[in-house]
């Protein structure tokens, strides 16, 4: 018998411009630091539409053709599953602007992990860049594991 589970759906996107990526100096109750922009999927909203909307809200940019490249997930203390859909995009228009969520700016991709990053950016970059990983999963021992496709 299938038992429904509570799931929280979110997204995150690495917008690329040549050798640079757009990062956000996130201000959050869960921690402050460098991460890719993203946010929650609204009720009944398609996942791809949600990442396009979130990028516009948090960066001022309109992305086109975002590519799903993996997921990050864990189980919260209350038993709910938290899923982050990881996207990449290099086709965008508009003028860069920050939001209340944090300042956004372009950084050399190779320098991102030398910044004050949060939320397992090293694992997120691995899933986004390496075609042999599709998932970053937090196990019960608090270990982040890249999962092979």
C-alpha atoms as a PDB file:
ATOM      1  CA  UNK A   1       0.000   0.000   0.000  1.00  0.00           C
ATOM      2  CA  UNK A   2       1.391   3.399  -0.981  1.00  0.00           C
ATOM      3  CA  UNK A   3       1.540   5.898   1.827  1.00  0.00           C
ATOM      4  CA  UNK A   4       1.664   9.563   0.829  1.00  0.00           C
ATOM      5  CA  UNK A   5       4.565  11.535   2.232  1.00  0.00           C
ATOM      6  CA  UNK A   6       4.923  15.221   2.881  1.00  0.00           C
ATOM      7  CA  UNK A   7       7.320  16.831   0.392  1.00  0.00           C
ATOM      8  CA  UNK A   8       8.753  20.333   0.130  1.00  0.00           C
ATOM      9  CA  UNK A   9       9.797  21.229  -3.424  1.00  0.00           C
ATOM     10  CA  UNK A  10      12.405  23.890  -4.175  1.00  0.00           C
ATOM     11  CA  UNK A  11      14.825  24.829  -6.939  1.00  0.00           C
ATOM     12  CA  UNK A  12      18.295  26.271  -7.434  1.00  0.00           C
ATOM     13  CA  UNK A  13      19.981  27.425 -10.639  1.00  0.00           C
ATOM     14  CA  UNK A  14      23.566  27.991 -11.730  1.00  0.00           C
ATOM     15  CA  UNK A  15      23.386  30.737 -14.356  1.00  0.00           C
ATOM     16  CA  UNK A  16      26.578  30.705 -16.417  1.00  0.00           C
ATOM     17  CA  UNK A  17      28.139  33.514 -18.417  1.00  0.00           C
ATOM     18  CA  UNK A  18      31.384  32.205 -19.922  1.00  0.00           C
ATOM     19  CA  UNK A  19      33.721  31.271 -17.059  1.00  0.00           C
ATOM     20  CA  UNK A  20      31.543  33.092 -14.520  1.00  0.00           C
ATOM     21  CA  UNK A  21      28.513  31.938 -12.560  1.00  0.00           C
ATOM     22  CA  UNK A  22      25.887  33.998 -10.794  1.00  0.00           C
ATOM     23  CA  UNK A  23      25.970  33.544  -7.028  1.00  0.00           C
ATOM     24  CA  UNK A  24      23.922  34.959  -4.205  1.00  0.00           C
ATOM     25  CA  UNK A  25      25.206  36.095  -0.832  1.00  0.00           C
ATOM     26  CA  UNK A  26      22.146  34.564   0.821  1.00  0.00           C
ATOM     27  CA  UNK A  27      20.533  36.034   3.920  1.00  0.00           C
ATOM     28  CA  UNK A  28      18.481  33.274   5.507  1.00  0.00           C
ATOM     29  CA  UNK A  29      17.288  31.933   8.846  1.00  0.00           C
ATOM     30  CA  UNK A  30      19.077  28.690   7.846  1.00  0.00           C
ATOM     31  CA  UNK A  31      22.452  30.368   7.396  1.00  0.00           C
ATOM     32  CA  UNK A  32      24.176  33.153   5.499  1.00  0.00           C
ATOM     33  CA  UNK A  33      26.725  32.700   2.735  1.00  0.00           C
ATOM     34  CA  UNK A  34      27.306  32.019  -0.953  1.00  0.00           C
ATOM     35  CA  UNK A  35      24.889  29.790  -2.819  1.00  0.00           C
ATOM     36  CA  UNK A  36      23.148  29.716  -6.180  1.00  0.00           C
ATOM     37  CA  UNK A  37      19.807  31.561  -6.307  1.00  0.00           C
ATOM     38  CA  UNK A  38      16.608  29.580  -5.953  1.00  0.00           C
ATOM     39  CA  UNK A  39      13.427  29.173  -3.977  1.00  0.00           C
ATOM     40  CA  UNK A  40      10.222  27.269  -3.367  1.00  0.00           C
ATOM     41  CA  UNK A  41       7.905  25.748  -5.933  1.00  0.00           C
ATOM     42  CA  UNK A  42       4.427  27.166  -5.414  1.00  0.00           C
ATOM     43  CA  UNK A  43       1.341  24.932  -5.190  1.00  0.00           C
ATOM     44  CA  UNK A  44       0.405  23.493  -8.609  1.00  0.00           C
ATOM     45  CA  UNK A  45       3.335  25.304 -10.304  1.00  0.00           C
ATOM     46  CA  UNK A  46       5.389  23.379 -12.872  1.00  0.00           C
ATOM     47  CA  UNK A  47       8.993  22.864 -11.678  1.00  0.00           C
ATOM     48  CA  UNK A  48      10.575  24.566 -14.722  1.00  0.00           C
ATOM     49  CA  UNK A  49       8.227  27.541 -14.401  1.00  0.00           C
ATOM     50  CA  UNK A  50       9.222  27.832 -10.739  1.00  0.00           C
ATOM     51  CA  UNK A  51      12.941  28.155 -11.490  1.00  0.00           C
ATOM     52  CA  UNK A  52      12.288  30.735 -14.223  1.00  0.00           C
ATOM     53  CA  UNK A  53      10.121  32.741 -11.790  1.00  0.00           C
ATOM     54  CA  UNK A  54      12.614  32.473  -8.923  1.00  0.00           C
ATOM     55  CA  UNK A  55      15.530  33.604 -11.085  1.00  0.00           C
ATOM     56  CA  UNK A  56      13.545  36.658 -12.175  1.00  0.00           C
ATOM     57  CA  UNK A  57      12.564  37.474  -8.562  1.00  0.00           C
ATOM     58  CA  UNK A  58      16.026  36.989  -7.044  1.00  0.00           C
ATOM     59  CA  UNK A  59      18.326  38.137  -9.865  1.00  0.00           C
ATOM     60  CA  UNK A  60      16.304  40.319 -12.252  1.00  0.00           C
ATOM     61  CA  UNK A  61      17.276  37.954 -15.096  1.00  0.00           C
ATOM     62  CA  UNK A  62      14.902  36.000 -17.312  1.00  0.00           C
ATOM     63  CA  UNK A  63      16.403  32.589 -18.032  1.00  0.00           C
ATOM     64  CA  UNK A  64      15.501  30.506 -21.067  1.00  0.00           C
ATOM     65  CA  UNK A  65      15.771  26.744 -21.491  1.00  0.00           C
ATOM     66  CA  UNK A  66      16.948  25.831 -17.983  1.00  0.00           C
ATOM     67  CA  UNK A  67      18.407  22.321 -17.925  1.00  0.00           C
ATOM     68  CA  UNK A  68      17.611  20.003 -15.026  1.00  0.00           C
ATOM     69  CA  UNK A  69      20.910  18.421 -13.979  1.00  0.00           C
ATOM     70  CA  UNK A  70      20.083  16.705 -10.696  1.00  0.00           C
ATOM     71  CA  UNK A  71      18.513  16.944  -7.265  1.00  0.00           C
ATOM     72  CA  UNK A  72      19.578  17.484  -3.679  1.00  0.00           C
ATOM     73  CA  UNK A  73      17.395  15.935  -0.989  1.00  0.00           C
ATOM     74  CA  UNK A  74      17.109  15.040   2.648  1.00  0.00           C
ATOM     75  CA  UNK A  75      14.545  14.008   5.238  1.00  0.00           C
ATOM     76  CA  UNK A  76      13.589  16.702   7.767  1.00  0.00           C
ATOM     77  CA  UNK A  77      13.234  15.942  11.475  1.00  0.00           C
ATOM     78  CA  UNK A  78       9.432  15.902  11.067  1.00  0.00           C
ATOM     79  CA  UNK A  79       9.743  13.140   8.437  1.00  0.00           C
ATOM     80  CA  UNK A  80       9.002  15.351   5.446  1.00  0.00           C
ATOM     81  CA  UNK A  81      11.219  15.074   2.375  1.00  0.00           C
ATOM     82  CA  UNK A  82      12.948  18.236   1.113  1.00  0.00           C
ATOM     83  CA  UNK A  83      13.848  18.195  -2.588  1.00  0.00           C
ATOM     84  CA  UNK A  84      15.905  20.832  -4.418  1.00  0.00           C
ATOM     85  CA  UNK A  85      15.772  20.582  -8.225  1.00  0.00           C
ATOM     86  CA  UNK A  86      19.175  21.656  -9.558  1.00  0.00           C
ATOM     87  CA  UNK A  87      19.244  23.532 -12.856  1.00  0.00           C
ATOM     88  CA  UNK A  88      21.792  25.175 -15.137  1.00  0.00           C
ATOM     89  CA  UNK A  89      21.142  27.970 -17.604  1.00  0.00           C
ATOM     90  CA  UNK A  90      23.336  29.993 -19.941  1.00  0.00           C
ATOM     91  CA  UNK A  91      20.629  31.707 -21.983  1.00  0.00           C
ATOM     92  CA  UNK A  92      19.319  34.784 -20.176  1.00  0.00           C
ATOM     93  CA  UNK A  93      18.307  38.402 -20.628  1.00  0.00           C
ATOM     94  CA  UNK A  94      17.591  41.381 -18.413  1.00  0.00           C
ATOM     95  CA  UNK A  95      19.492  43.509 -15.972  1.00  0.00           C
ATOM     96  CA  UNK A  96      21.074  42.016 -12.867  1.00  0.00           C
ATOM     97  CA  UNK A  97      19.486  43.174  -9.608  1.00  0.00           C
ATOM     98  CA  UNK A  98      19.584  41.841  -6.060  1.00  0.00           C
ATOM     99  CA  UNK A  99      16.584  41.071  -3.861  1.00  0.00           C
ATOM    100  CA  UNK A 100      15.790  40.915  -0.143  1.00  0.00           C
ATOM    101  CA  UNK A 101      17.140  37.333  -0.243  1.00  0.00           C
ATOM    102  CA  UNK A 102      20.696  38.589  -0.794  1.00  0.00           C
ATOM    103  CA  UNK A 103      23.123  40.331  -3.095  1.00  0.00           C
ATOM    104  CA  UNK A 104      23.722  38.605  -6.439  1.00  0.00           C
ATOM    105  CA  UNK A 105      26.970  38.939  -8.377  1.00  0.00           C
ATOM    106  CA  UNK A 106      29.102  37.213 -11.007  1.00  0.00           C
ATOM    107  CA  UNK A 107      32.052  35.142  -9.764  1.00  0.00           C
ATOM    108  CA  UNK A 108      34.616  32.995 -11.504  1.00  0.00           C
ATOM    109  CA  UNK A 109      33.287  29.440 -11.241  1.00  0.00           C
ATOM    110  CA  UNK A 110      36.635  28.105 -10.032  1.00  0.00           C
ATOM    111  CA  UNK A 111      36.618  30.613  -7.132  1.00  0.00           C
ATOM    112  CA  UNK A 112      33.128  29.852  -5.759  1.00  0.00           C
ATOM    113  CA  UNK A 113      34.276  27.147  -3.348  1.00  0.00           C
ATOM    114  CA  UNK A 114      36.911  29.498  -1.920  1.00  0.00           C
ATOM    115  CA  UNK A 115      34.134  31.857  -0.800  1.00  0.00           C
ATOM    116  CA  UNK A 116      32.002  31.627   2.338  1.00  0.00           C
ATOM    117  CA  UNK A 117      29.641  29.061   0.801  1.00  0.00           C
ATOM    118  CA  UNK A 118      26.737  27.329   2.524  1.00  0.00           C
ATOM    119  CA  UNK A 119      24.345  24.431   1.970  1.00  0.00           C
ATOM    120  CA  UNK A 120      26.910  21.967   0.608  1.00  0.00           C
ATOM    121  CA  UNK A 121      27.876  23.983  -2.461  1.00  0.00           C
ATOM    122  CA  UNK A 122      30.775  21.599  -3.080  1.00  0.00           C
ATOM    123  CA  UNK A 123      28.364  18.702  -3.531  1.00  0.00           C
ATOM    124  CA  UNK A 124      25.914  20.821  -5.514  1.00  0.00           C
ATOM    125  CA  UNK A 125      28.663  21.848  -7.948  1.00  0.00           C
ATOM    126  CA  UNK A 126      29.712  18.209  -8.276  1.00  0.00           C
ATOM    127  CA  UNK A 127      26.193  17.143  -9.247  1.00  0.00           C
ATOM    128  CA  UNK A 128      25.832  20.094 -11.632  1.00  0.00           C
ATOM    129  CA  UNK A 129      29.214  19.586 -13.317  1.00  0.00           C
ATOM    130  CA  UNK A 130      29.815  15.841 -13.348  1.00  0.00           C
ATOM    131  CA  UNK A 131      27.571  13.881 -15.632  1.00  0.00           C
ATOM    132  CA  UNK A 132      28.005  10.727 -13.526  1.00  0.00           C
ATOM    133  CA  UNK A 133      26.069  12.108 -10.531  1.00  0.00           C
ATOM    134  CA  UNK A 134      22.365  12.889 -10.427  1.00  0.00           C
ATOM    135  CA  UNK A 135      21.634  13.288  -6.732  1.00  0.00           C
ATOM    136  CA  UNK A 136      23.097  14.676  -3.529  1.00  0.00           C
ATOM    137  CA  UNK A 137      21.494  12.902  -0.569  1.00  0.00           C
ATOM    138  CA  UNK A 138      21.895  13.460   3.177  1.00  0.00           C
ATOM    139  CA  UNK A 139      21.884  10.073   4.888  1.00  0.00           C
ATOM    140  CA  UNK A 140      20.873   9.342   8.485  1.00  0.00           C
ATOM    141  CA  UNK A 141      24.473   9.791   9.689  1.00  0.00           C
ATOM    142  CA  UNK A 142      24.523  13.399   8.400  1.00  0.00           C
ATOM    143  CA  UNK A 143      26.784  12.509   5.482  1.00  0.00           C
ATOM    144  CA  UNK A 144      26.180  14.095   2.079  1.00  0.00           C
ATOM    145  CA  UNK A 145      26.538  11.461  -0.623  1.00  0.00           C
ATOM    146  CA  UNK A 146      26.671  12.093  -4.363  1.00  0.00           C
ATOM    147  CA  UNK A 147      24.591   9.311  -5.910  1.00  0.00           C
ATOM    148  CA  UNK A 148      25.580   7.840  -9.272  1.00  0.00           C
ATOM    149  CA  UNK A 149      23.095   7.962 -12.111  1.00  0.00           C
END
